[in-house]
Amino acid sequence: MGRRARWRHRLGHLVKPHSHESADKVDRALESSAQGMRALWISLAVLGVTAVTQAVVVVLSGSVALLGDTVHNAADALTALPLGVAFVLGRRAANRRFTYGYGRAEDLAGIVIVLTIAASAFFAAWTAIDRLLNPQGIGYLPAVAAAAVVGFVGNEWVARYRIRVGREIGSAALIADGLHARTDGFTSLAVLLGAGGAAIGWRLADPIVGLVITAAILLVLRDACREVFRRVMDAVDPALVDAAEHALGRVPGVRAVGELRLRWIGHRLRAEVAVVVDGELNAREAHQVAVEAEHALLHAVPKLTAALVHADPTPAPGAPDPHLVLAHHAT
């Protein structure tokens, strides 16, 4: 079975050749950051045009629902700045102080995005409540409706683009930003409903829709908080752990899989694993098994760029525990 697996793997290399050298891993990491930067700048341009268009209509109409949507769109566009800084930092090489590199900057950017969403929710709520207490009519209703449609189309396109690229490169912050844009799209539709209500003479329709927009923003805030919190706490999809264990179990020479840990650093994964090998193997043979195990992980786990594999020998009858010297350090 091991020989068949090796032949299948060699055939795969012939069909789609690749390398696991350090330079190639860095190239892939840089390419993923470049994808993220491209997504940010394109979406920033689209949302910038959308926000400016809506801002002009806000000045003309006085619609607080559209104002809330415009502020949300502007905030969403500006979140490209901390994410852009994070992607640029993530390209820097690891050094003696930041031995894992600067990928964690993306997690910090995710926190900034969450705070931005919270601030836009507060502003939208405050504006809507003020207008409920002090009702005012709105003008240029056809322009408000048109601006709402523009907001929905622009935000939904940006949301799909950011979420797709975020999933491709493994960036939780970019996915959270995509969710933020998607909510902006639905809140734009809510503005359209508010304009319809105002058109039939319901003066409170606009501020009520503003409160509905606030509720929608809070729902997105919840999802974004969950996404960013999991990343900050080193959470990974259990399916990735299953895939890693399955791949290791198929490596010739691996008797068992011990401790296995995966963690995100920016939009890249790293792994640490202990495998049990035949205790009669010499150092070179045990090292070769570890290399094959790392190779299998790099193929089986998406976004994985490095794995540290430790080989433990199978315990011989009557032999002392090879980790006995570490026992007093156990947690």
C-alpha atoms as a PDB file:
ATOM      1  CA  MET A   1       0.000   0.000   0.000  1.00  0.00           C
ATOM      2  CA  GLY A   2       2.897   2.365   0.806  1.00  0.00           C
ATOM      3  CA  ARG A   3       4.521   1.652  -2.571  1.00  0.00           C
ATOM      4  CA  ARG A   4       1.256   2.455  -4.399  1.00  0.00           C
ATOM      5  CA  ALA A   5       0.937   5.734  -2.505  1.00  0.00           C
ATOM      6  CA  ARG A   6       4.484   6.710  -3.420  1.00  0.00           C
ATOM      7  CA  TRP A   7       3.877   5.964  -7.116  1.00  0.00           C
ATOM      8  CA  ARG A   8       0.636   7.967  -7.084  1.00  0.00           C
ATOM      9  CA  HIS A   9       2.474  10.867  -5.488  1.00  0.00           C
ATOM     10  CA  ARG A  10       5.291  10.753  -8.064  1.00  0.00           C
ATOM     11  CA  LEU A  11       2.730  10.711 -10.877  1.00  0.00           C
ATOM     12  CA  GLY A  12       1.073  13.764  -9.297  1.00  0.00           C
ATOM     13  CA  HIS A  13       4.409  15.592  -9.373  1.00  0.00           C
ATOM     14  CA  LEU A  14       4.792  14.804 -13.061  1.00  0.00           C
ATOM     15  CA  VAL A  15       1.328  16.148 -13.852  1.00  0.00           C
ATOM     16  CA  LYS A  16       1.678  19.218 -11.614  1.00  0.00           C
ATOM     17  CA  PRO A  17       5.298  19.724 -10.623  1.00  0.00           C
ATOM     18  CA  HIS A  18       6.032  21.784  -7.526  1.00  0.00           C
ATOM     19  CA  SER A  19       8.592  22.191  -4.808  1.00  0.00           C
ATOM     20  CA  HIS A  20       8.666  22.392  -1.024  1.00  0.00           C
ATOM     21  CA  GLU A  21      11.856  24.435  -0.827  1.00  0.00           C
ATOM     22  CA  SER A  22      11.848  27.421   1.544  1.00  0.00           C
ATOM     23  CA  ALA A  23      12.104  29.933  -1.302  1.00  0.00           C
ATOM     24  CA  ASP A  24       9.007  28.481  -2.969  1.00  0.00           C
ATOM     25  CA  LYS A  25       7.061  28.676   0.299  1.00  0.00           C
ATOM     26  CA  VAL A  26       7.990  32.353   0.591  1.00  0.00           C
ATOM     27  CA  ASP A  27       6.916  32.941  -3.029  1.00  0.00           C
ATOM     28  CA  ARG A  28       3.505  31.389  -2.338  1.00  0.00           C
ATOM     29  CA  ALA A  29       3.122  33.498   0.805  1.00  0.00           C
ATOM     30  CA  LEU A  30       3.995  36.669  -1.110  1.00  0.00           C
ATOM     31  CA  GLU A  31       1.543  35.755  -3.870  1.00  0.00           C
ATOM     32  CA  SER A  32      -1.272  35.268  -1.350  1.00  0.00           C
ATOM     33  CA  SER A  33      -0.495  38.671   0.183  1.00  0.00           C
ATOM     34  CA  ALA A  34      -0.510  40.192  -3.309  1.00  0.00           C
ATOM     35  CA  GLN A  35      -3.957  38.669  -3.905  1.00  0.00           C
ATOM     36  CA  GLY A  36      -5.175  40.206  -0.664  1.00  0.00           C
ATOM     37  CA  MET A  37      -3.765  43.626  -1.568  1.00  0.00           C
ATOM     38  CA  ARG A  38      -5.362  43.457  -5.008  1.00  0.00           C
ATOM     39  CA  ALA A  39      -8.740  42.610  -3.459  1.00  0.00           C
ATOM     40  CA  LEU A  40      -8.405  45.497  -1.015  1.00  0.00           C
ATOM     41  CA  TRP A  41      -7.578  48.171  -3.559  1.00  0.00           C
ATOM     42  CA  ILE A  42     -10.230  47.089  -6.053  1.00  0.00           C
ATOM     43  CA  SER A  43     -12.922  46.931  -3.368  1.00  0.00           C
ATOM     44  CA  LEU A  44     -11.728  50.252  -1.917  1.00  0.00           C
ATOM     45  CA  ALA A  45     -12.241  51.906  -5.305  1.00  0.00           C
ATOM     46  CA  VAL A  46     -15.722  50.407  -5.753  1.00  0.00           C
ATOM     47  CA  LEU A  47     -16.874  51.291  -2.230  1.00  0.00           C
ATOM     48  CA  GLY A  48     -15.321  54.751  -2.476  1.00  0.00           C
ATOM     49  CA  VAL A  49     -17.362  55.560  -5.578  1.00  0.00           C
ATOM     50  CA  THR A  50     -20.478  54.111  -3.903  1.00  0.00           C
ATOM     51  CA  ALA A  51     -19.999  56.154  -0.715  1.00  0.00           C
ATOM     52  CA  VAL A  52     -19.347  59.421  -2.580  1.00  0.00           C
ATOM     53  CA  THR A  53     -22.451  58.900  -4.718  1.00  0.00           C
ATOM     54  CA  GLN A  54     -24.581  58.261  -1.650  1.00  0.00           C
ATOM     55  CA  ALA A  55     -23.067  61.202   0.263  1.00  0.00           C
ATOM     56  CA  VAL A  56     -24.166  63.613  -2.462  1.00  0.00           C
ATOM     57  CA  VAL A  57     -27.735  62.287  -2.226  1.00  0.00           C
ATOM     58  CA  VAL A  58     -27.646  62.521   1.608  1.00  0.00           C
ATOM     59  CA  VAL A  59     -26.806  66.232   1.390  1.00  0.00           C
ATOM     60  CA  LEU A  60     -29.666  66.800  -1.053  1.00  0.00           C
ATOM     61  CA  SER A  61     -32.316  64.638   0.640  1.00  0.00           C
ATOM     62  CA  GLY A  62     -31.530  64.710   4.375  1.00  0.00           C
ATOM     63  CA  SER A  63     -32.268  60.971   4.693  1.00  0.00           C
ATOM     64  CA  VAL A  64     -30.854  59.578   7.939  1.00  0.00           C
ATOM     65  CA  ALA A  65     -31.320  56.003   6.735  1.00  0.00           C
ATOM     66  CA  LEU A  66     -29.168  56.762   3.714  1.00  0.00           C
ATOM     67  CA  LEU A  67     -26.742  58.651   5.959  1.00  0.00           C
ATOM     68  CA  GLY A  68     -26.323  55.561   8.134  1.00  0.00           C
ATOM     69  CA  ASP A  69     -25.767  53.425   5.051  1.00  0.00           C
ATOM     70  CA  THR A  70     -23.263  55.928   3.645  1.00  0.00           C
ATOM     71  CA  VAL A  71     -21.268  56.037   6.894  1.00  0.00           C
ATOM     72  CA  HIS A  72     -21.250  52.265   6.980  1.00  0.00           C
ATOM     73  CA  ASN A  73     -20.010  52.128   3.379  1.00  0.00           C
ATOM     74  CA  ALA A  74     -17.304  54.695   4.074  1.00  0.00           C
ATOM     75  CA  ALA A  75     -16.180  52.803   7.176  1.00  0.00           C
ATOM     76  CA  ASP A  76     -16.110  49.573   5.188  1.00  0.00           C
ATOM     77  CA  ALA A  77     -13.945  51.206   2.517  1.00  0.00           C
ATOM     78  CA  LEU A  78     -11.539  52.594   5.122  1.00  0.00           C
ATOM     79  CA  THR A  79     -11.000  49.165   6.707  1.00  0.00           C
ATOM     80  CA  ALA A  80      -8.865  48.462   3.645  1.00  0.00           C
ATOM     81  CA  LEU A  81      -6.170  50.620   5.242  1.00  0.00           C
ATOM     82  CA  PRO A  82      -5.371  48.506   8.348  1.00  0.00           C
ATOM     83  CA  LEU A  83      -5.716  45.340   6.273  1.00  0.00           C
ATOM     84  CA  GLY A  84      -3.345  46.752   3.671  1.00  0.00           C
ATOM     85  CA  VAL A  85      -0.799  47.541   6.379  1.00  0.00           C
ATOM     86  CA  ALA A  86      -1.203  44.006   7.734  1.00  0.00           C
ATOM     87  CA  PHE A  87      -0.619  42.418   4.325  1.00  0.00           C
ATOM     88  CA  VAL A  88       2.491  44.559   3.790  1.00  0.00           C
ATOM     89  CA  LEU A  89       3.833  43.633   7.233  1.00  0.00           C
ATOM     90  CA  GLY A  90       3.066  39.982   6.577  1.00  0.00           C
ATOM     91  CA  ARG A  91       5.543  40.006   3.697  1.00  0.00           C
ATOM     92  CA  ARG A  92       8.452  40.791   6.014  1.00  0.00           C
ATOM     93  CA  ALA A  93      10.770  37.923   6.804  1.00  0.00           C
ATOM     94  CA  ALA A  94      10.963  36.423  10.275  1.00  0.00           C
ATOM     95  CA  ASN A  95      13.814  37.680  12.471  1.00  0.00           C
ATOM     96  CA  ARG A  96      15.312  37.021  15.889  1.00  0.00           C
ATOM     97  CA  ARG A  97      12.604  39.044  17.642  1.00  0.00           C
ATOM     98  CA  PHE A  98       9.590  37.988  15.546  1.00  0.00           C
ATOM     99  CA  THR A  99      10.629  34.408  14.921  1.00  0.00           C
ATOM    100  CA  TYR A 100       7.271  33.469  13.354  1.00  0.00           C
ATOM    101  CA  GLY A 101       7.192  36.571  11.151  1.00  0.00           C
ATOM    102  CA  TYR A 102       4.580  39.333  11.116  1.00  0.00           C
ATOM    103  CA  GLY A 103       1.493  37.407  10.041  1.00  0.00           C
ATOM    104  CA  ARG A 104      -0.297  38.187  13.310  1.00  0.00           C
ATOM    105  CA  ALA A 105      -0.737  41.751  12.072  1.00  0.00           C
ATOM    106  CA  GLU A 106      -3.790  40.430  10.197  1.00  0.00           C
ATOM    107  CA  ASP A 107      -5.396  39.448  13.495  1.00  0.00           C
ATOM    108  CA  LEU A 108      -4.827  42.977  14.803  1.00  0.00           C
ATOM    109  CA  ALA A 109      -6.391  44.353  11.615  1.00  0.00           C
ATOM    110  CA  GLY A 110      -9.376  42.077  12.234  1.00  0.00           C
ATOM    111  CA  ILE A 111      -9.817  43.645  15.672  1.00  0.00           C
ATOM    112  CA  VAL A 112      -9.713  47.126  14.090  1.00  0.00           C
ATOM    113  CA  ILE A 113     -12.408  46.028  11.625  1.00  0.00           C
ATOM    114  CA  VAL A 114     -14.608  44.781  14.471  1.00  0.00           C
ATOM    115  CA  LEU A 115     -14.225  48.097  16.307  1.00  0.00           C
ATOM    116  CA  THR A 116     -15.062  49.972  13.093  1.00  0.00           C
ATOM    117  CA  ILE A 117     -18.249  47.949  12.644  1.00  0.00           C
ATOM    118  CA  ALA A 118     -19.210  48.669  16.267  1.00  0.00           C
ATOM    119  CA  ALA A 119     -18.609  52.405  15.792  1.00  0.00           C
ATOM    120  CA  SER A 120     -20.733  52.517  12.632  1.00  0.00           C
ATOM    121  CA  ALA A 121     -23.552  50.703  14.482  1.00  0.00           C
ATOM    122  CA  PHE A 122     -23.431  53.290  17.277  1.00  0.00           C
ATOM    123  CA  PHE A 123     -23.486  56.211  14.834  1.00  0.00           C
ATOM    124  CA  ALA A 124     -26.375  54.756  12.829  1.00  0.00           C
ATOM    125  CA  ALA A 125     -28.400  54.151  16.011  1.00  0.00           C
ATOM    126  CA  TRP A 126     -27.730  57.624  17.421  1.00  0.00           C
ATOM    127  CA  THR A 127     -28.737  59.327  14.170  1.00  0.00           C
ATOM    128  CA  ALA A 128     -31.919  57.262  13.792  1.00  0.00           C
ATOM    129  CA  ILE A 129     -33.041  57.856  17.396  1.00  0.00           C
ATOM    130  CA  ASP A 130     -32.452  61.601  17.031  1.00  0.00           C
ATOM    131  CA  ARG A 131     -34.610  61.646  13.899  1.00  0.00           C
ATOM    132  CA  LEU A 132     -37.354  59.650  15.680  1.00  0.00           C
ATOM    133  CA  LEU A 133     -37.425  62.286  18.419  1.00  0.00           C
ATOM    134  CA  ASN A 134     -37.257  65.118  15.893  1.00  0.00           C
ATOM    135  CA  PRO A 135     -39.090  63.935  12.742  1.00  0.00           C
ATOM    136  CA  GLN A 136     -38.256  65.644   9.467  1.00  0.00           C
ATOM    137  CA  GLY A 137     -39.336  65.110   5.916  1.00  0.00           C
ATOM    138  CA  ILE A 138     -36.899  63.939   3.241  1.00  0.00           C
ATOM    139  CA  GLY A 139     -36.689  65.094  -0.329  1.00  0.00           C
ATOM    140  CA  TYR A 140     -35.382  63.766  -3.650  1.00  0.00           C
ATOM    141  CA  LEU A 141     -36.945  60.357  -2.997  1.00  0.00           C
ATOM    142  CA  PRO A 142     -36.135  58.981  -6.489  1.00  0.00           C
ATOM    143  CA  ALA A 143     -32.470  59.901  -5.929  1.00  0.00           C
ATOM    144  CA  VAL A 144     -32.513  58.216  -2.495  1.00  0.00           C
ATOM    145  CA  ALA A 145     -33.963  55.055  -4.052  1.00  0.00           C
ATOM    146  CA  ALA A 146     -31.351  55.103  -6.823  1.00  0.00           C
ATOM    147  CA  ALA A 147     -28.547  55.601  -4.293  1.00  0.00           C
ATOM    148  CA  ALA A 148     -29.859  52.653  -2.297  1.00  0.00           C
ATOM    149  CA  VAL A 149     -29.729  50.413  -5.379  1.00  0.00           C
ATOM    150  CA  VAL A 150     -26.193  51.607  -6.146  1.00  0.00           C
ATOM    151  CA  GLY A 151     -25.208  50.803  -2.557  1.00  0.00           C
ATOM    152  CA  PHE A 152     -26.619  47.293  -2.745  1.00  0.00           C
ATOM    153  CA  VAL A 153     -24.970  46.423  -6.066  1.00  0.00           C
ATOM    154  CA  GLY A 154     -21.590  47.857  -5.079  1.00  0.00           C
ATOM    155  CA  ASN A 155     -21.512  46.213  -1.661  1.00  0.00           C
ATOM    156  CA  GLU A 156     -22.695  42.800  -2.797  1.00  0.00           C
ATOM    157  CA  TRP A 157     -20.034  42.702  -5.514  1.00  0.00           C
ATOM    158  CA  VAL A 158     -17.330  43.704  -3.024  1.00  0.00           C
ATOM    159  CA  ALA A 159     -18.626  41.191  -0.459  1.00  0.00           C
ATOM    160  CA  ARG A 160     -18.450  38.284  -2.905  1.00  0.00           C
ATOM    161  CA  TYR A 161     -14.991  39.330  -4.062  1.00  0.00           C
ATOM    162  CA  ARG A 162     -13.519  39.790  -0.568  1.00  0.00           C
ATOM    163  CA  ILE A 163     -14.992  36.585   0.836  1.00  0.00           C
ATOM    164  CA  ARG A 164     -13.805  34.547  -2.170  1.00  0.00           C
ATOM    165  CA  VAL A 165     -10.247  35.901  -1.989  1.00  0.00           C
ATOM    166  CA  GLY A 166     -10.237  35.646   1.814  1.00  0.00           C
ATOM    167  CA  ARG A 167     -11.102  31.962   1.623  1.00  0.00           C
ATOM    168  CA  GLU A 168      -8.565  31.363  -1.127  1.00  0.00           C
ATOM    169  CA  ILE A 169      -5.686  32.819   0.889  1.00  0.00           C
ATOM    170  CA  GLY A 170      -7.017  31.886   4.357  1.00  0.00           C
ATOM    171  CA  SER A 171      -7.453  35.438   5.690  1.00  0.00           C
ATOM    172  CA  ALA A 172     -10.063  35.669   8.467  1.00  0.00           C
ATOM    173  CA  ALA A 173      -9.753  39.459   8.495  1.00  0.00           C
ATOM    174  CA  LEU A 174     -10.562  39.721   4.782  1.00  0.00           C
ATOM    175  CA  ILE A 175     -13.538  37.358   5.212  1.00  0.00           C
ATOM    176  CA  ALA A 176     -14.796  39.508   8.111  1.00  0.00           C
ATOM    177  CA  ASP A 177     -14.442  42.560   5.894  1.00  0.00           C
ATOM    178  CA  GLY A 178     -16.452  40.790   3.185  1.00  0.00           C
ATOM    179  CA  LEU A 179     -19.222  40.032   5.672  1.00  0.00           C
ATOM    180  CA  HIS A 180     -19.176  43.697   6.619  1.00  0.00           C
ATOM    181  CA  ALA A 181     -19.709  44.672   2.978  1.00  0.00           C
ATOM    182  CA  ARG A 182     -22.537  42.161   2.583  1.00  0.00           C
ATOM    183  CA  THR A 183     -24.427  43.743   5.445  1.00  0.00           C
ATOM    184  CA  ASP A 184     -23.973  47.133   3.834  1.00  0.00           C
ATOM    185  CA  GLY A 185     -25.705  45.753   0.754  1.00  0.00           C
ATOM    186  CA  PHE A 186     -28.726  44.575   2.695  1.00  0.00           C
ATOM    187  CA  THR A 187     -28.912  47.830   4.627  1.00  0.00           C
ATOM    188  CA  SER A 188     -28.995  49.637   1.279  1.00  0.00           C
ATOM    189  CA  LEU A 189     -32.109  47.635   0.420  1.00  0.00           C
ATOM    190  CA  ALA A 190     -33.559  48.725   3.750  1.00  0.00           C
ATOM    191  CA  VAL A 191     -32.960  52.342   2.723  1.00  0.00           C
ATOM    192  CA  LEU A 192     -34.972  51.608  -0.405  1.00  0.00           C
ATOM    193  CA  LEU A 193     -37.871  50.445   1.768  1.00  0.00           C
ATOM    194  CA  GLY A 194     -37.570  53.594   3.853  1.00  0.00           C
ATOM    195  CA  ALA A 195     -37.782  55.744   0.738  1.00  0.00           C
ATOM    196  CA  GLY A 196     -40.903  53.827  -0.298  1.00  0.00           C
ATOM    197  CA  GLY A 197     -42.492  54.456   3.093  1.00  0.00           C
ATOM    198  CA  ALA A 198     -41.683  58.151   2.911  1.00  0.00           C
ATOM    199  CA  ALA A 199     -43.175  58.301  -0.575  1.00  0.00           C
ATOM    200  CA  ILE A 200     -46.558  57.234   0.782  1.00  0.00           C
ATOM    201  CA  GLY A 201     -46.412  59.806   3.570  1.00  0.00           C
ATOM    202  CA  TRP A 202     -45.051  57.796   6.517  1.00  0.00           C
ATOM    203  CA  ARG A 203     -42.571  60.252   8.029  1.00  0.00           C
ATOM    204  CA  LEU A 204     -41.192  57.770  10.570  1.00  0.00           C
ATOM    205  CA  ALA A 205     -40.252  55.236   7.884  1.00  0.00           C
ATOM    206  CA  ASP A 206     -36.779  56.738   7.406  1.00  0.00           C
ATOM    207  CA  PRO A 207     -35.621  56.683  11.075  1.00  0.00           C
ATOM    208  CA  ILE A 208     -37.231  53.277  11.676  1.00  0.00           C
ATOM    209  CA  VAL A 209     -35.298  51.870   8.745  1.00  0.00           C
ATOM    210  CA  GLY A 210     -32.206  53.501  10.285  1.00  0.00           C
ATOM    211  CA  LEU A 211     -32.795  51.418  13.424  1.00  0.00           C
ATOM    212  CA  VAL A 212     -33.272  48.286  11.302  1.00  0.00           C
ATOM    213  CA  ILE A 213     -29.919  49.048   9.688  1.00  0.00           C
ATOM    214  CA  THR A 214     -28.383  49.279  13.166  1.00  0.00           C
ATOM    215  CA  ALA A 215     -29.751  45.833  14.036  1.00  0.00           C
ATOM    216  CA  ALA A 216     -28.318  44.407  10.810  1.00  0.00           C
ATOM    217  CA  ILE A 217     -24.923  45.931  11.583  1.00  0.00           C
ATOM    218  CA  LEU A 218     -24.996  44.334  15.027  1.00  0.00           C
ATOM    219  CA  LEU A 219     -25.657  40.920  13.477  1.00  0.00           C
ATOM    220  CA  VAL A 220     -22.611  41.320  11.267  1.00  0.00           C
ATOM    221  CA  LEU A 221     -20.640  42.517  14.272  1.00  0.00           C
ATOM    222  CA  ARG A 222     -21.482  39.251  16.026  1.00  0.00           C
ATOM    223  CA  ASP A 223     -20.287  37.135  13.080  1.00  0.00           C
ATOM    224  CA  ALA A 224     -17.124  39.195  12.617  1.00  0.00           C
ATOM    225  CA  CYS A 225     -16.329  38.997  16.343  1.00  0.00           C
ATOM    226  CA  ARG A 226     -16.677  35.231  16.256  1.00  0.00           C
ATOM    227  CA  GLU A 227     -14.414  34.917  13.190  1.00  0.00           C
ATOM    228  CA  VAL A 228     -11.707  37.196  14.546  1.00  0.00           C
ATOM    229  CA  PHE A 229     -11.897  35.789  18.109  1.00  0.00           C
ATOM    230  CA  ARG A 230     -11.368  32.261  16.834  1.00  0.00           C
ATOM    231  CA  ARG A 231      -8.347  33.322  14.825  1.00  0.00           C
ATOM    232  CA  VAL A 232      -6.810  35.240  17.736  1.00  0.00           C
ATOM    233  CA  MET A 233      -7.332  32.175  19.949  1.00  0.00           C
ATOM    234  CA  ASP A 234      -5.583  29.892  17.415  1.00  0.00           C
ATOM    235  CA  ALA A 235      -8.757  28.027  16.516  1.00  0.00           C
ATOM    236  CA  VAL A 236      -8.728  25.901  13.348  1.00  0.00           C
ATOM    237  CA  ASP A 237     -11.383  23.955  11.501  1.00  0.00           C
ATOM    238  CA  PRO A 238     -11.473  20.437  13.030  1.00  0.00           C
ATOM    239  CA  ALA A 239     -11.671  19.091   9.469  1.00  0.00           C
ATOM    240  CA  LEU A 240      -8.093  20.295   8.959  1.00  0.00           C
ATOM    241  CA  VAL A 241      -6.970  18.291  11.979  1.00  0.00           C
ATOM    242  CA  ASP A 242      -8.790  15.226  10.629  1.00  0.00           C
ATOM    243  CA  ALA A 243      -7.123  15.664   7.236  1.00  0.00           C
ATOM    244  CA  ALA A 244      -3.695  15.976   8.854  1.00  0.00           C
ATOM    245  CA  GLU A 245      -4.185  12.854  10.994  1.00  0.00           C
ATOM    246  CA  HIS A 246      -5.442  10.880   8.007  1.00  0.00           C
ATOM    247  CA  ALA A 247      -2.461  11.927   5.882  1.00  0.00           C
ATOM    248  CA  LEU A 248       0.038  11.060   8.622  1.00  0.00           C
ATOM    249  CA  GLY A 249      -1.560   7.670   9.142  1.00  0.00           C
ATOM    250  CA  ARG A 250      -0.824   6.788   5.496  1.00  0.00           C
ATOM    251  CA  VAL A 251       2.892   7.627   5.674  1.00  0.00           C
ATOM    252  CA  PRO A 252       5.085   4.482   5.547  1.00  0.00           C
ATOM    253  CA  GLY A 253       6.976   4.134   8.820  1.00  0.00           C
ATOM    254  CA  VAL A 254       4.519   6.105  10.980  1.00  0.00           C
ATOM    255  CA  ARG A 255       3.213   3.746  13.654  1.00  0.00           C
ATOM    256  CA  ALA A 256       0.979   6.296  15.403  1.00  0.00           C
ATOM    257  CA  VAL A 257       0.273  10.009  15.605  1.00  0.00           C
ATOM    258  CA  GLY A 258       0.875  11.693  18.937  1.00  0.00           C
ATOM    259  CA  GLU A 259       0.383  15.370  19.696  1.00  0.00           C
ATOM    260  CA  LEU A 260      -0.815  17.383  16.685  1.00  0.00           C
ATOM    261  CA  ARG A 261      -1.185  21.150  16.671  1.00  0.00           C
ATOM    262  CA  LEU A 262      -2.172  23.559  13.906  1.00  0.00           C
ATOM    263  CA  ARG A 263      -2.195  27.327  14.114  1.00  0.00           C
ATOM    264  CA  TRP A 264      -2.826  30.244  11.783  1.00  0.00           C
ATOM    265  CA  ILE A 265      -0.178  32.934  11.468  1.00  0.00           C
ATOM    266  CA  GLY A 266      -1.849  35.541   9.304  1.00  0.00           C
ATOM    267  CA  HIS A 267      -3.298  33.622   6.355  1.00  0.00           C
ATOM    268  CA  ARG A 268      -0.799  30.760   6.585  1.00  0.00           C
ATOM    269  CA  LEU A 269      -0.888  27.583   8.644  1.00  0.00           C
ATOM    270  CA  ARG A 270       1.914  25.961  10.623  1.00  0.00           C
ATOM    271  CA  ALA A 271       1.877  22.496  12.170  1.00  0.00           C
ATOM    272  CA  GLU A 272       3.666  20.782  15.037  1.00  0.00           C
ATOM    273  CA  VAL A 273       3.307  17.017  15.344  1.00  0.00           C
ATOM    274  CA  ALA A 274       4.885  14.034  17.082  1.00  0.00           C
ATOM    275  CA  VAL A 275       4.820  10.701  15.244  1.00  0.00           C
ATOM    276  CA  VAL A 276       5.773   7.292  16.596  1.00  0.00           C
ATOM    277  CA  VAL A 277       8.287   5.324  14.509  1.00  0.00           C
ATOM    278  CA  ASP A 278      10.034   1.961  14.852  1.00  0.00           C
ATOM    279  CA  GLY A 279      12.472   2.168  17.751  1.00  0.00           C
ATOM    280  CA  GLU A 280      15.032   0.131  15.798  1.00  0.00           C
ATOM    281  CA  LEU A 281      15.437   2.809  13.108  1.00  0.00           C
ATOM    282  CA  ASN A 282      18.670   4.775  13.083  1.00  0.00           C
ATOM    283  CA  ALA A 283      18.691   8.586  13.136  1.00  0.00           C
ATOM    284  CA  ARG A 284      18.802   8.944   9.338  1.00  0.00           C
ATOM    285  CA  GLU A 285      15.924   6.529   8.816  1.00  0.00           C
ATOM    286  CA  ALA A 286      13.785   8.162  11.511  1.00  0.00           C
ATOM    287  CA  HIS A 287      14.524  11.569   9.998  1.00  0.00           C
ATOM    288  CA  GLN A 288      13.444  10.333   6.570  1.00  0.00           C
ATOM    289  CA  VAL A 289      10.112   9.194   8.006  1.00  0.00           C
ATOM    290  CA  ALA A 290       9.691  12.658   9.550  1.00  0.00           C
ATOM    291  CA  VAL A 291      10.442  14.289   6.198  1.00  0.00           C
ATOM    292  CA  GLU A 292       7.868  12.093   4.454  1.00  0.00           C
ATOM    293  CA  ALA A 293       5.353  12.997   7.169  1.00  0.00           C
ATOM    294  CA  GLU A 294       5.944  16.721   6.615  1.00  0.00           C
ATOM    295  CA  HIS A 295       5.623  16.211   2.873  1.00  0.00           C
ATOM    296  CA  ALA A 296       2.292  14.437   3.326  1.00  0.00           C
ATOM    297  CA  LEU A 297       1.001  17.263   5.524  1.00  0.00           C
ATOM    298  CA  LEU A 298       1.974  19.925   2.981  1.00  0.00           C
ATOM    299  CA  HIS A 299      -0.138  18.100   0.402  1.00  0.00           C
ATOM    300  CA  ALA A 300      -3.099  17.276   2.637  1.00  0.00           C
ATOM    301  CA  VAL A 301      -3.650  20.538   4.540  1.00  0.00           C
ATOM    302  CA  PRO A 302      -4.540  23.658   2.502  1.00  0.00           C
ATOM    303  CA  LYS A 303      -2.575  26.845   3.336  1.00  0.00           C
ATOM    304  CA  LEU A 304       0.031  24.859   5.320  1.00  0.00           C
ATOM    305  CA  THR A 305       3.480  26.306   4.687  1.00  0.00           C
ATOM    306  CA  ALA A 306       5.607  24.556   7.326  1.00  0.00           C
ATOM    307  CA  ALA A 307       5.445  21.611   9.696  1.00  0.00           C
ATOM    308  CA  LEU A 308       7.762  20.611  12.536  1.00  0.00           C
ATOM    309  CA  VAL A 309       7.696  16.815  12.880  1.00  0.00           C
ATOM    310  CA  HIS A 310       9.190  15.077  15.928  1.00  0.00           C
ATOM    311  CA  ALA A 311       9.833  11.327  15.719  1.00  0.00           C
ATOM    312  CA  ASP A 312       9.305   9.280  18.902  1.00  0.00           C
ATOM    313  CA  PRO A 313      10.566   5.672  19.037  1.00  0.00           C
ATOM    314  CA  THR A 314       8.201   2.863  19.957  1.00  0.00           C
ATOM    315  CA  PRO A 315       8.952   1.910  23.579  1.00  0.00           C
ATOM    316  CA  ALA A 316      10.990  -1.257  23.974  1.00  0.00           C
ATOM    317  CA  PRO A 317       9.895  -3.752  26.664  1.00  0.00           C
ATOM    318  CA  GLY A 318      11.530  -2.806  29.955  1.00  0.00           C
ATOM    319  CA  ALA A 319      13.207   0.298  28.492  1.00  0.00           C
ATOM    320  CA  PRO A 320      12.811   3.614  30.341  1.00  0.00           C
ATOM    321  CA  ASP A 321      10.467   6.266  28.987  1.00  0.00           C
ATOM    322  CA  PRO A 322      12.524   8.324  26.486  1.00  0.00           C
ATOM    323  CA  HIS A 323      10.784  11.478  27.760  1.00  0.00           C
ATOM    324  CA  LEU A 324      11.359  10.759  31.458  1.00  0.00           C
ATOM    325  CA  VAL A 325      13.789  13.670  31.827  1.00  0.00           C
ATOM    326  CA  LEU A 326      10.955  16.014  30.822  1.00  0.00           C
ATOM    327  CA  ALA A 327       8.372  14.603  33.235  1.00  0.00           C
ATOM    328  CA  HIS A 328       8.864  17.303  35.894  1.00  0.00           C
ATOM    329  CA  HIS A 329       8.087  19.981  33.244  1.00  0.00           C
ATOM    330  CA  ALA A 330       4.715  18.458  32.320  1.00  0.00           C
ATOM    331  CA  THR A 331       1.737  20.783  32.753  1.00  0.00           C
END
